[in-house]
Structures are given as C-alpha cells and as structure tokens.
Amino acid sequence: MAGTLFNVALAIGAAYLIFKVGFAMLGGLTRPLPEPPPPGEMRKVKLRYRCSLCGLELRIDRAIDEDPVAPRHCMEDMDLEVPVE
C-alpha cells in the first residue's frame, strides 16, 4: 500500500513538473519582441567585409545602425561578403 501511494505521489509530482516547464516554454513564445534600442546605441549585426585589393577580411559584430557604412581599406570601400550565420 505504501509503495502504491509513493508511486502516485511521484507521478503527480512529475506531471506537475512537466506542466510547469511546458507552460513556461509556451509563455516564452508568446512574449513580444523587445523594442529596438534608441538611436546611437550599439546593435548586434553580423557582417563580413573583404578588401578587394589586399584581401583583408573584417567581421563586424556590433554597429550603431543595422546597415552600417562599409569600412575603408587601401583607400577604397570594402566589399560586403555573405552575412555570417
């Protein structure tokens, strides 16, 4: 009898834990995206540039805006490569 009560209590506890985790995961999907940062703050971007003259490669992780101006190297603008995933 005690073993059966223990198994029932364990099953109820496991079901509670599964529901709690499941509702937390679903709740995370329903939250709206945060507002974009105000102008002038750093934003996450992942861009790769390459100098067409010397071959120097540059990766930009953060910029003030989502479409930053291409950096210059060897006195010319660098070429934008395929964005890093």
Foldseek 3Di string as FASTA:
>chain_A
DVVVVVVVVVVVVVVVVVVVVVVVVVVVVPDDDDDDDDQPDKDAFWWWWAAPPPGDIDTDGIDRDHDDAADDDPNHGTHTDPGDD
